[in-house]
Amino acid sequence: MNDSEITYRPHFRLRMRQREFPDGFGEMLLRDADNYYYDTQENTSVAVKRVPFKGRERDIALIFSVEGSAIAFISIFPLKLGELRRKTQMGKWARDETASNL
C-alpha cells in the first residue's frame, strides 16, 4: 500500500456494514492477502485472504482498482465454497503477482 491514498466507494461501505467487517479490514486484506488476481471481465484487481469469519474459515475477496497513485475499494465479500477455483478455471480471475507491490 506504500503511500497510496485509499478511497471507499459507496458499495464497499455498504458491504462492510452489512457483513459486519471491522474498521481497517479492507486495508488488512490488501496488505496481507494470500493471493492477488486480476478480474479480466471487470478490469479490477482482487485480493483474497482466508480468515475466520462468522465461526469458520472463509476466503474473503476485496475488489479494488488502482487509479494513478490512489486505490479505490469497490466491494468486499466472502467467497462461496469453490467460487475461487471456478473463477480462475473459467479465466475470469487471473493470478496477478504484481499487485503484491502495492
PDB file of N, CA and C in Angstrom:
ATOM      1  N   MET A   1       0.827  -1.192   0.000  1.00  0.00           N
ATOM      2  CA  MET A   1       0.000   0.000   0.000  1.00  0.00           C
ATOM      3  C   MET A   1       0.865   1.248   0.000  1.00  0.00           C
ATOM      4  N   ASN A   2       2.066   1.125   0.424  1.00  0.00           N
ATOM      5  CA  ASN A   2       3.017   2.238   0.424  1.00  0.00           C
ATOM      6  C   ASN A   2       2.350   3.544   0.803  1.00  0.00           C
ATOM      7  N   ASP A   3       2.451   4.564  -0.062  1.00  0.00           N
ATOM      8  CA  ASP A   3       1.880   5.873   0.228  1.00  0.00           C
ATOM      9  C   ASP A   3       0.605   6.118  -0.556  1.00  0.00           C
ATOM     10  N   SER A   4      -0.028   5.087  -1.027  1.00  0.00           N
ATOM     11  CA  SER A   4      -1.236   5.239  -1.832  1.00  0.00           C
ATOM     12  C   SER A   4      -2.396   5.736  -0.978  1.00  0.00           C
ATOM     13  N   GLU A   5      -3.145   6.663  -1.553  1.00  0.00           N
ATOM     14  CA  GLU A   5      -4.371   7.131  -0.910  1.00  0.00           C
ATOM     15  C   GLU A   5      -5.466   6.104  -1.192  1.00  0.00           C
ATOM     16  N   ILE A   6      -6.246   5.763  -0.175  1.00  0.00           N
ATOM     17  CA  ILE A   6      -7.330   4.805  -0.352  1.00  0.00           C
ATOM     18  C   ILE A   6      -8.658   5.538  -0.280  1.00  0.00           C
ATOM     19  N   THR A   7      -9.500   5.294  -1.283  1.00  0.00           N
ATOM     20  CA  THR A   7     -10.861   5.828  -1.267  1.00  0.00           C
ATOM     21  C   THR A   7     -11.829   4.655  -1.174  1.00  0.00           C
ATOM     22  N   TYR A   8     -13.012   4.930  -0.650  1.00  0.00           N
ATOM     23  CA  TYR A   8     -14.013   3.889  -0.420  1.00  0.00           C
ATOM     24  C   TYR A   8     -15.264   4.205  -1.226  1.00  0.00           C
ATOM     25  N   ARG A   9     -15.591   3.336  -2.157  1.00  0.00           N
ATOM     26  CA  ARG A   9     -16.813   3.516  -2.935  1.00  0.00           C
ATOM     27  C   ARG A   9     -18.021   3.230  -2.039  1.00  0.00           C
ATOM     28  N   PRO A  10     -19.166   3.848  -2.336  1.00  0.00           N
ATOM     29  CA  PRO A  10     -20.368   3.619  -1.512  1.00  0.00           C
ATOM     30  C   PRO A  10     -20.731   2.137  -1.370  1.00  0.00           C
ATOM     31  N   HIS A  11     -20.577   1.359  -2.433  1.00  0.00           N
ATOM     32  CA  HIS A  11     -20.902  -0.068  -2.367  1.00  0.00           C
ATOM     33  C   HIS A  11     -20.004  -0.791  -1.360  1.00  0.00           C
ATOM     34  N   PHE A  12     -18.720  -0.443  -1.338  1.00  0.00           N
ATOM     35  CA  PHE A  12     -17.791  -1.042  -0.377  1.00  0.00           C
ATOM     36  C   PHE A  12     -18.232  -0.716   1.050  1.00  0.00           C
ATOM     37  N   ARG A  13     -18.567   0.545   1.304  1.00  0.00           N
ATOM     38  CA  ARG A  13     -19.008   0.950   2.650  1.00  0.00           C
ATOM     39  C   ARG A  13     -20.259   0.180   3.073  1.00  0.00           C
ATOM     40  N   LEU A  14     -21.195   0.028   2.139  1.00  0.00           N
ATOM     41  CA  LEU A  14     -22.430  -0.707   2.413  1.00  0.00           C
ATOM     42  C   LEU A  14     -22.125  -2.160   2.776  1.00  0.00           C
ATOM     43  N   ARG A  15     -21.293  -2.811   1.981  1.00  0.00           N
ATOM     44  CA  ARG A  15     -20.965  -4.217   2.237  1.00  0.00           C
ATOM     45  C   ARG A  15     -20.189  -4.389   3.546  1.00  0.00           C
ATOM     46  N   MET A  16     -19.332  -3.454   3.893  1.00  0.00           N
ATOM     47  CA  MET A  16     -18.614  -3.521   5.171  1.00  0.00           C
ATOM     48  C   MET A  16     -19.607  -3.515   6.332  1.00  0.00           C
ATOM     49  N   ARG A  17     -20.608  -2.630   6.259  1.00  0.00           N
ATOM     50  CA  ARG A  17     -21.622  -2.554   7.317  1.00  0.00           C
ATOM     51  C   ARG A  17     -22.487  -3.807   7.349  1.00  0.00           C
ATOM     52  N   GLN A  18     -22.987  -4.218   6.175  1.00  0.00           N
ATOM     53  CA  GLN A  18     -23.883  -5.372   6.109  1.00  0.00           C
ATOM     54  C   GLN A  18     -23.221  -6.641   6.632  1.00  0.00           C
ATOM     55  N   ARG A  19     -21.964  -6.819   6.333  1.00  0.00           N
ATOM     56  CA  ARG A  19     -21.271  -8.059   6.703  1.00  0.00           C
ATOM     57  C   ARG A  19     -20.530  -7.943   8.027  1.00  0.00           C
ATOM     58  N   GLU A  20     -20.617  -6.759   8.627  1.00  0.00           N
ATOM     59  CA  GLU A  20     -20.047  -6.505   9.953  1.00  0.00           C
ATOM     60  C   GLU A  20     -18.544  -6.763  10.023  1.00  0.00           C
ATOM     61  N   PHE A  21     -17.839  -6.359   8.962  1.00  0.00           N
ATOM     62  CA  PHE A  21     -16.383  -6.419   8.995  1.00  0.00           C
ATOM     63  C   PHE A  21     -15.883  -5.261   9.855  1.00  0.00           C
ATOM     64  N   PRO A  22     -14.811  -5.451  10.621  1.00  0.00           N
ATOM     65  CA  PRO A  22     -14.288  -4.361  11.453  1.00  0.00           C
ATOM     66  C   PRO A  22     -13.605  -3.279  10.609  1.00  0.00           C
ATOM     67  N   ASP A  23     -13.523  -2.075  11.163  1.00  0.00           N
ATOM     68  CA  ASP A  23     -12.793  -0.995  10.500  1.00  0.00           C
ATOM     69  C   ASP A  23     -11.362  -1.456  10.226  1.00  0.00           C
ATOM     70  N   GLY A  24     -10.827  -1.072   9.079  1.00  0.00           N
ATOM     71  CA  GLY A  24      -9.462  -1.432   8.715  1.00  0.00           C
ATOM     72  C   GLY A  24      -9.335  -2.813   8.094  1.00  0.00           C
ATOM     73  N   PHE A  25     -10.445  -3.542   7.974  1.00  0.00           N
ATOM     74  CA  PHE A  25     -10.402  -4.903   7.445  1.00  0.00           C
ATOM     75  C   PHE A  25      -9.964  -4.918   5.981  1.00  0.00           C
ATOM     76  N   GLY A  26     -10.458  -3.975   5.190  1.00  0.00           N
ATOM     77  CA  GLY A  26     -10.073  -3.904   3.780  1.00  0.00           C
ATOM     78  C   GLY A  26      -8.586  -3.653   3.613  1.00  0.00           C
ATOM     79  N   GLU A  27      -8.059  -2.746   4.422  1.00  0.00           N
ATOM     80  CA  GLU A  27      -6.631  -2.446   4.362  1.00  0.00           C
ATOM     81  C   GLU A  27      -5.795  -3.675   4.726  1.00  0.00           C
ATOM     82  N   MET A  28      -6.242  -4.423   5.751  1.00  0.00           N
ATOM     83  CA  MET A  28      -5.535  -5.643   6.145  1.00  0.00           C
ATOM     84  C   MET A  28      -5.564  -6.665   5.010  1.00  0.00           C
ATOM     85  N   LEU A  29      -6.725  -6.828   4.358  1.00  0.00           N
ATOM     86  CA  LEU A  29      -6.819  -7.773   3.242  1.00  0.00           C
ATOM     87  C   LEU A  29      -5.859  -7.394   2.124  1.00  0.00           C
ATOM     88  N   LEU A  30      -5.834  -6.116   1.784  1.00  0.00           N
ATOM     89  CA  LEU A  30      -4.955  -5.664   0.706  1.00  0.00           C
ATOM     90  C   LEU A  30      -3.487  -5.899   1.066  1.00  0.00           C
ATOM     91  N   ARG A  31      -3.125  -5.566   2.278  1.00  0.00           N
ATOM     92  CA  ARG A  31      -1.726  -5.677   2.723  1.00  0.00           C
ATOM     93  C   ARG A  31      -1.279  -7.134   2.898  1.00  0.00           C
ATOM     94  N   ASP A  32      -2.159  -7.980   3.455  1.00  0.00           N
ATOM     95  CA  ASP A  32      -1.762  -9.335   3.856  1.00  0.00           C
ATOM     96  C   ASP A  32      -2.414 -10.440   3.033  1.00  0.00           C
ATOM     97  N   ALA A  33      -2.884 -10.135   1.846  1.00  0.00           N
ATOM     98  CA  ALA A  33      -3.602 -11.130   1.033  1.00  0.00           C
ATOM     99  C   ALA A  33      -2.762 -12.380   0.796  1.00  0.00           C
ATOM    100  N   ASP A  34      -3.452 -13.518   0.750  1.00  0.00           N
ATOM    101  CA  ASP A  34      -2.792 -14.775   0.396  1.00  0.00           C
ATOM    102  C   ASP A  34      -2.452 -14.789  -1.092  1.00  0.00           C
ATOM    103  N   ASN A  35      -3.354 -14.227  -1.909  1.00  0.00           N
ATOM    104  CA  ASN A  35      -3.162 -14.169  -3.360  1.00  0.00           C
ATOM    105  C   ASN A  35      -3.848 -12.934  -3.927  1.00  0.00           C
ATOM    106  N   TYR A  36      -3.329 -12.493  -5.066  1.00  0.00           N
ATOM    107  CA  TYR A  36      -3.912 -11.372  -5.801  1.00  0.00           C
ATOM    108  C   TYR A  36      -4.305 -11.855  -7.189  1.00  0.00           C
ATOM    109  N   TYR A  37      -5.389 -11.302  -7.700  1.00  0.00           N
ATOM    110  CA  TYR A  37      -5.900 -11.682  -9.014  1.00  0.00           C
ATOM    111  C   TYR A  37      -6.275 -10.426  -9.786  1.00  0.00           C
ATOM    112  N   TYR A  38      -6.367 -10.585 -11.094  1.00  0.00           N
ATOM    113  CA  TYR A  38      -6.881  -9.533 -11.964  1.00  0.00           C
ATOM    114  C   TYR A  38      -8.186 -10.049 -12.554  1.00  0.00           C
ATOM    115  N   ASP A  39      -9.258  -9.274 -12.416  1.00  0.00           N
ATOM    116  CA  ASP A  39     -10.555  -9.652 -12.981  1.00  0.00           C
ATOM    117  C   ASP A  39     -10.560  -9.219 -14.441  1.00  0.00           C
ATOM    118  N   THR A  40     -10.477 -10.182 -15.339  1.00  0.00           N
ATOM    119  CA  THR A  40     -10.336  -9.904 -16.768  1.00  0.00           C
ATOM    120  C   THR A  40     -11.605  -9.345 -17.392  1.00  0.00           C
ATOM    121  N   GLN A  41     -12.756  -9.527 -16.752  1.00  0.00           N
ATOM    122  CA  GLN A  41     -14.011  -9.010 -17.296  1.00  0.00           C
ATOM    123  C   GLN A  41     -14.335  -7.616 -16.777  1.00  0.00           C
ATOM    124  N   GLU A  42     -13.975  -7.350 -15.534  1.00  0.00           N
ATOM    125  CA  GLU A  42     -14.304  -6.058 -14.914  1.00  0.00           C
ATOM    126  C   GLU A  42     -13.134  -5.076 -14.915  1.00  0.00           C
ATOM    127  N   ASN A  43     -11.940  -5.539 -15.295  1.00  0.00           N
ATOM    128  CA  ASN A  43     -10.730  -4.707 -15.262  1.00  0.00           C
ATOM    129  C   ASN A  43     -10.468  -4.140 -13.867  1.00  0.00           C
ATOM    130  N   THR A  44     -10.616  -4.994 -12.867  1.00  0.00           N
ATOM    131  CA  THR A  44     -10.338  -4.617 -11.486  1.00  0.00           C
ATOM    132  C   THR A  44      -9.366  -5.631 -10.896  1.00  0.00           C
ATOM    133  N   SER A  45      -8.866  -5.319  -9.726  1.00  0.00           N
ATOM    134  CA  SER A  45      -7.974  -6.228  -9.013  1.00  0.00           C
ATOM    135  C   SER A  45      -8.717  -6.852  -7.841  1.00  0.00           C
ATOM    136  N   VAL A  46      -8.227  -8.014  -7.407  1.00  0.00           N
ATOM    137  CA  VAL A  46      -8.873  -8.763  -6.330  1.00  0.00           C
ATOM    138  C   VAL A  46      -7.793  -9.251  -5.371  1.00  0.00           C
ATOM    139  N   ALA A  47      -7.990  -8.989  -4.088  1.00  0.00           N
ATOM    140  CA  ALA A  47      -7.125  -9.540  -3.045  1.00  0.00           C
ATOM    141  C   ALA A  47      -7.949 -10.575  -2.289  1.00  0.00           C
ATOM    142  N   VAL A  48      -7.381 -11.757  -2.068  1.00  0.00           N
ATOM    143  CA  VAL A  48      -8.105 -12.830  -1.378  1.00  0.00           C
ATOM    144  C   VAL A  48      -7.283 -13.298  -0.185  1.00  0.00           C
ATOM    145  N   LYS A  49      -7.951 -13.415   0.946  1.00  0.00           N
ATOM    146  CA  LYS A  49      -7.292 -13.911   2.161  1.00  0.00           C
ATOM    147  C   LYS A  49      -8.259 -14.812   2.917  1.00  0.00           C
ATOM    148  N   ARG A  50      -7.727 -15.929   3.436  1.00  0.00           N
ATOM    149  CA  ARG A  50      -8.526 -16.840   4.273  1.00  0.00           C
ATOM    150  C   ARG A  50      -8.433 -16.342   5.713  1.00  0.00           C
ATOM    151  N   VAL A  51      -9.596 -16.056   6.298  1.00  0.00           N
ATOM    152  CA  VAL A  51      -9.665 -15.534   7.668  1.00  0.00           C
ATOM    153  C   VAL A  51     -10.858 -16.160   8.392  1.00  0.00           C
ATOM    154  N   PRO A  52     -10.845 -16.127   9.726  1.00  0.00           N
ATOM    155  CA  PRO A  52     -12.036 -16.555  10.464  1.00  0.00           C
ATOM    156  C   PRO A  52     -13.170 -15.557  10.199  1.00  0.00           C
ATOM    157  N   PHE A  53     -14.339 -16.070   9.852  1.00  0.00           N
ATOM    158  CA  PHE A  53     -15.486 -15.205   9.562  1.00  0.00           C
ATOM    159  C   PHE A  53     -16.758 -15.935   9.967  1.00  0.00           C
ATOM    160  N   LYS A  54     -17.457 -15.367  10.929  1.00  0.00           N
ATOM    161  CA  LYS A  54     -18.728 -15.916  11.411  1.00  0.00           C
ATOM    162  C   LYS A  54     -18.618 -17.397  11.765  1.00  0.00           C
ATOM    163  N   GLY A  55     -17.590 -17.715  12.544  1.00  0.00           N
ATOM    164  CA  GLY A  55     -17.469 -19.051  13.099  1.00  0.00           C
ATOM    165  C   GLY A  55     -16.724 -20.079  12.272  1.00  0.00           C
ATOM    166  N   ARG A  56     -16.233 -19.698  11.097  1.00  0.00           N
ATOM    167  CA  ARG A  56     -15.452 -20.660  10.311  1.00  0.00           C
ATOM    168  C   ARG A  56     -14.459 -19.924   9.421  1.00  0.00           C
ATOM    169  N   GLU A  57     -13.503 -20.667   8.891  1.00  0.00           N
ATOM    170  CA  GLU A  57     -12.503 -20.096   7.985  1.00  0.00           C
ATOM    171  C   GLU A  57     -13.141 -19.873   6.621  1.00  0.00           C
ATOM    172  N   ARG A  58     -12.996 -18.653   6.101  1.00  0.00           N
ATOM    173  CA  ARG A  58     -13.559 -18.327   4.789  1.00  0.00           C
ATOM    174  C   ARG A  58     -12.549 -17.518   3.992  1.00  0.00           C
ATOM    175  N   ASP A  59     -12.590 -17.679   2.674  1.00  0.00           N
ATOM    176  CA  ASP A  59     -11.838 -16.795   1.788  1.00  0.00           C
ATOM    177  C   ASP A  59     -12.663 -15.530   1.607  1.00  0.00           C
ATOM    178  N   ILE A  60     -12.040 -14.386   1.860  1.00  0.00           N
ATOM    179  CA  ILE A  60     -12.703 -13.097   1.684  1.00  0.00           C
ATOM    180  C   ILE A  60     -12.033 -12.393   0.511  1.00  0.00           C
ATOM    181  N   ALA A  61     -12.851 -11.835  -0.384  1.00  0.00           N
ATOM    182  CA  ALA A  61     -12.340 -11.127  -1.558  1.00  0.00           C
ATOM    183  C   ALA A  61     -12.549  -9.627  -1.398  1.00  0.00           C
ATOM    184  N   LEU A  62     -11.510  -8.871  -1.660  1.00  0.00           N
ATOM    185  CA  LEU A  62     -11.568  -7.414  -1.720  1.00  0.00           C
ATOM    186  C   LEU A  62     -11.399  -7.026  -3.182  1.00  0.00           C
ATOM    187  N   ILE A  63     -12.394  -6.354  -3.737  1.00  0.00           N
ATOM    188  CA  ILE A  63     -12.321  -5.876  -5.115  1.00  0.00           C
ATOM    189  C   ILE A  63     -11.856  -4.423  -5.063  1.00  0.00           C
ATOM    190  N   PHE A  64     -10.818  -4.110  -5.839  1.00  0.00           N
ATOM    191  CA  PHE A  64     -10.281  -2.750  -5.809  1.00  0.00           C
ATOM    192  C   PHE A  64      -9.733  -2.373  -7.177  1.00  0.00           C
ATOM    193  N   SER A  65      -9.538  -1.074  -7.363  1.00  0.00           N
ATOM    194  CA  SER A  65      -8.903  -0.601  -8.591  1.00  0.00           C
ATOM    195  C   SER A  65      -7.777   0.349  -8.210  1.00  0.00           C
ATOM    196  N   VAL A  66      -6.771   0.372  -9.055  1.00  0.00           N
ATOM    197  CA  VAL A  66      -5.646   1.284  -8.869  1.00  0.00           C
ATOM    198  C   VAL A  66      -5.817   2.393  -9.888  1.00  0.00           C
ATOM    199  N   GLU A  67      -5.923   3.615  -9.379  1.00  0.00           N
ATOM    200  CA  GLU A  67      -6.159   4.781 -10.230  1.00  0.00           C
ATOM    201  C   GLU A  67      -5.035   5.776  -9.987  1.00  0.00           C
ATOM    202  N   GLY A  68      -3.986   5.676 -10.784  1.00  0.00           N
ATOM    203  CA  GLY A  68      -2.805   6.511 -10.565  1.00  0.00           C
ATOM    204  C   GLY A  68      -2.124   6.073  -9.283  1.00  0.00           C
ATOM    205  N   SER A  69      -1.955   7.005  -8.344  1.00  0.00           N
ATOM    206  CA  SER A  69      -1.342   6.654  -7.062  1.00  0.00           C
ATOM    207  C   SER A  69      -2.395   6.350  -6.000  1.00  0.00           C
ATOM    208  N   ALA A  70      -3.671   6.313  -6.397  1.00  0.00           N
ATOM    209  CA  ALA A  70      -4.760   6.042  -5.452  1.00  0.00           C
ATOM    210  C   ALA A  70      -5.324   4.638  -5.664  1.00  0.00           C
ATOM    211  N   ILE A  71      -5.846   4.086  -4.591  1.00  0.00           N
ATOM    212  CA  ILE A  71      -6.513   2.787  -4.633  1.00  0.00           C
ATOM    213  C   ILE A  71      -7.955   3.002  -4.214  1.00  0.00           C
ATOM    214  N   ALA A  72      -8.886   2.476  -4.999  1.00  0.00           N
ATOM    215  CA  ALA A  72     -10.310   2.586  -4.667  1.00  0.00           C
ATOM    216  C   ALA A  72     -10.835   1.215  -4.282  1.00  0.00           C
ATOM    217  N   PHE A  73     -11.371   1.100  -3.065  1.00  0.00           N
ATOM    218  CA  PHE A  73     -12.010  -0.135  -2.633  1.00  0.00           C
ATOM    219  C   PHE A  73     -13.425  -0.136  -3.190  1.00  0.00           C
ATOM    220  N   ILE A  74     -13.779  -1.186  -3.939  1.00  0.00           N
ATOM    221  CA  ILE A  74     -15.057  -1.261  -4.644  1.00  0.00           C
ATOM    222  C   ILE A  74     -16.058  -2.151  -3.925  1.00  0.00           C
ATOM    223  N   SER A  75     -15.622  -3.346  -3.506  1.00  0.00           N
ATOM    224  CA  SER A  75     -16.520  -4.282  -2.825  1.00  0.00           C
ATOM    225  C   SER A  75     -15.708  -5.239  -1.969  1.00  0.00           C
ATOM    226  N   ILE A  76     -16.399  -5.920  -1.074  1.00  0.00           N
ATOM    227  CA  ILE A  76     -15.772  -6.920  -0.213  1.00  0.00           C
ATOM    228  C   ILE A  76     -16.823  -7.975   0.101  1.00  0.00           C
ATOM    229  N   PHE A  77     -16.429  -9.252   0.004  1.00  0.00           N
ATOM    230  CA  PHE A  77     -17.413 -10.308   0.245  1.00  0.00           C
ATOM    231  C   PHE A  77     -16.729 -11.648   0.512  1.00  0.00           C
ATOM    232  N   PRO A  78     -17.406 -12.524   1.269  1.00  0.00           N
ATOM    233  CA  PRO A  78     -16.891 -13.882   1.447  1.00  0.00           C
ATOM    234  C   PRO A  78     -17.161 -14.695   0.193  1.00  0.00           C
ATOM    235  N   LEU A  79     -16.186 -15.486  -0.213  1.00  0.00           N
ATOM    236  CA  LEU A  79     -16.362 -16.346  -1.385  1.00  0.00           C
ATOM    237  C   LEU A  79     -17.108 -17.615  -0.992  1.00  0.00           C
ATOM    238  N   LYS A  80     -17.967 -18.052  -1.868  1.00  0.00           N
ATOM    239  CA  LYS A  80     -18.672 -19.317  -1.658  1.00  0.00           C
ATOM    240  C   LYS A  80     -17.695 -20.470  -1.882  1.00  0.00           C
ATOM    241  N   LEU A  81     -18.024 -21.615  -1.334  1.00  0.00           N
ATOM    242  CA  LEU A  81     -17.194 -22.802  -1.493  1.00  0.00           C
ATOM    243  C   LEU A  81     -16.987 -23.099  -2.977  1.00  0.00           C
ATOM    244  N   GLY A  82     -15.743 -23.175  -3.418  1.00  0.00           N
ATOM    245  CA  GLY A  82     -15.421 -23.476  -4.811  1.00  0.00           C
ATOM    246  C   GLY A  82     -15.458 -22.283  -5.751  1.00  0.00           C
ATOM    247  N   GLU A  83     -15.882 -21.116  -5.268  1.00  0.00           N
ATOM    248  CA  GLU A  83     -16.012 -19.943  -6.144  1.00  0.00           C
ATOM    249  C   GLU A  83     -14.660 -19.473  -6.682  1.00  0.00           C
ATOM    250  N   LEU A  84     -13.638 -19.465  -5.855  1.00  0.00           N
ATOM    251  CA  LEU A  84     -12.311 -19.040  -6.302  1.00  0.00           C
ATOM    252  C   LEU A  84     -11.803 -19.962  -7.406  1.00  0.00           C
ATOM    253  N   ARG A  85     -11.932 -21.255  -7.205  1.00  0.00           N
ATOM    254  CA  ARG A  85     -11.495 -22.230  -8.214  1.00  0.00           C
ATOM    255  C   ARG A  85     -12.259 -22.035  -9.524  1.00  0.00           C
ATOM    256  N   ARG A  86     -13.574 -21.838  -9.438  1.00  0.00           N
ATOM    257  CA  ARG A  86     -14.376 -21.642 -10.657  1.00  0.00           C
ATOM    258  C   ARG A  86     -13.956 -20.375 -11.407  1.00  0.00           C
ATOM    259  N   LYS A  87     -13.762 -19.297 -10.679  1.00  0.00           N
ATOM    260  CA  LYS A  87     -13.402 -18.031 -11.329  1.00  0.00           C
ATOM    261  C   LYS A  87     -12.037 -18.125 -12.018  1.00  0.00           C
ATOM    262  N   THR A  88     -11.086 -18.830 -11.390  1.00  0.00           N
ATOM    263  CA  THR A  88      -9.767 -18.955 -12.014  1.00  0.00           C
ATOM    264  C   THR A  88      -9.798 -19.944 -13.178  1.00  0.00           C
ATOM    265  N   GLN A  89     -10.522 -21.035 -13.035  1.00  0.00           N
ATOM    266  CA  GLN A  89     -10.603 -22.014 -14.127  1.00  0.00           C
ATOM    267  C   GLN A  89     -11.305 -21.440 -15.355  1.00  0.00           C
ATOM    268  N   MET A  90     -12.321 -20.609 -15.141  1.00  0.00           N
ATOM    269  CA  MET A  90     -13.052 -20.002 -16.263  1.00  0.00           C
ATOM    270  C   MET A  90     -12.270 -18.847 -16.891  1.00  0.00           C
ATOM    271  N   GLY A  91     -11.199 -18.403 -16.227  1.00  0.00           N
ATOM    272  CA  GLY A  91     -10.400 -17.311 -16.754  1.00  0.00           C
ATOM    273  C   GLY A  91     -10.900 -15.934 -16.363  1.00  0.00           C
ATOM    274  N   LYS A  92     -11.931 -15.864 -15.521  1.00  0.00           N
ATOM    275  CA  LYS A  92     -12.421 -14.560 -15.069  1.00  0.00           C
ATOM    276  C   LYS A  92     -11.381 -13.883 -14.179  1.00  0.00           C
ATOM    277  N   TRP A  93     -10.783 -14.644 -13.271  1.00  0.00           N
ATOM    278  CA  TRP A  93      -9.726 -14.123 -12.415  1.00  0.00           C
ATOM    279  C   TRP A  93      -8.406 -14.790 -12.796  1.00  0.00           C
ATOM    280  N   ALA A  94      -7.386 -13.975 -13.059  1.00  0.00           N
ATOM    281  CA  ALA A  94      -6.045 -14.468 -13.388  1.00  0.00           C
ATOM    282  C   ALA A  94      -5.086 -14.019 -12.287  1.00  0.00           C
ATOM    283  N   ARG A  95      -4.172 -14.910 -11.882  1.00  0.00           N
ATOM    284  CA  ARG A  95      -3.197 -14.553 -10.845  1.00  0.00           C
ATOM    285  C   ARG A  95      -2.443 -13.302 -11.262  1.00  0.00           C
ATOM    286  N   ASP A  96      -2.203 -12.415 -10.295  1.00  0.00           N
ATOM    287  CA  ASP A  96      -1.512 -11.154 -10.540  1.00  0.00           C
ATOM    288  C   ASP A  96      -0.408 -10.998  -9.502  1.00  0.00           C
ATOM    289  N   GLU A  97       0.799 -11.331  -9.887  1.00  0.00           N
ATOM    290  CA  GLU A  97       1.937 -11.248  -8.966  1.00  0.00           C
ATOM    291  C   GLU A  97       2.376  -9.802  -8.731  1.00  0.00           C
ATOM    292  N   THR A  98       2.033  -8.893  -9.629  1.00  0.00           N
ATOM    293  CA  THR A  98       2.474  -7.503  -9.487  1.00  0.00           C
ATOM    294  C   THR A  98       1.684  -6.751  -8.426  1.00  0.00           C
ATOM    295  N   ALA A  99       0.473  -7.187  -8.107  1.00  0.00           N
ATOM    296  CA  ALA A  99      -0.370  -6.466  -7.148  1.00  0.00           C
ATOM    297  C   ALA A  99       0.215  -6.487  -5.741  1.00  0.00           C
ATOM    298  N   SER A 100       1.044  -7.459  -5.431  1.00  0.00           N
ATOM    299  CA  SER A 100       1.625  -7.524  -4.088  1.00  0.00           C
ATOM    300  C   SER A 100       2.596  -6.375  -3.829  1.00  0.00           C
ATOM    301  N   ASN A 101       2.948  -5.622  -4.857  1.00  0.00           N
ATOM    302  CA  ASN A 101       3.858  -4.479  -4.709  1.00  0.00           C
ATOM    303  C   ASN A 101       3.143  -3.193  -4.328  1.00  0.00           C
ATOM    304  N   LEU A 102       1.844  -3.240  -4.136  1.00  0.00           N
ATOM    305  CA  LEU A 102       1.088  -2.020  -3.821  1.00  0.00           C
ATOM    306  C   LEU A 102       1.488  -1.444  -2.492  1.00  0.00           C
TER     307      LEU A 102
END
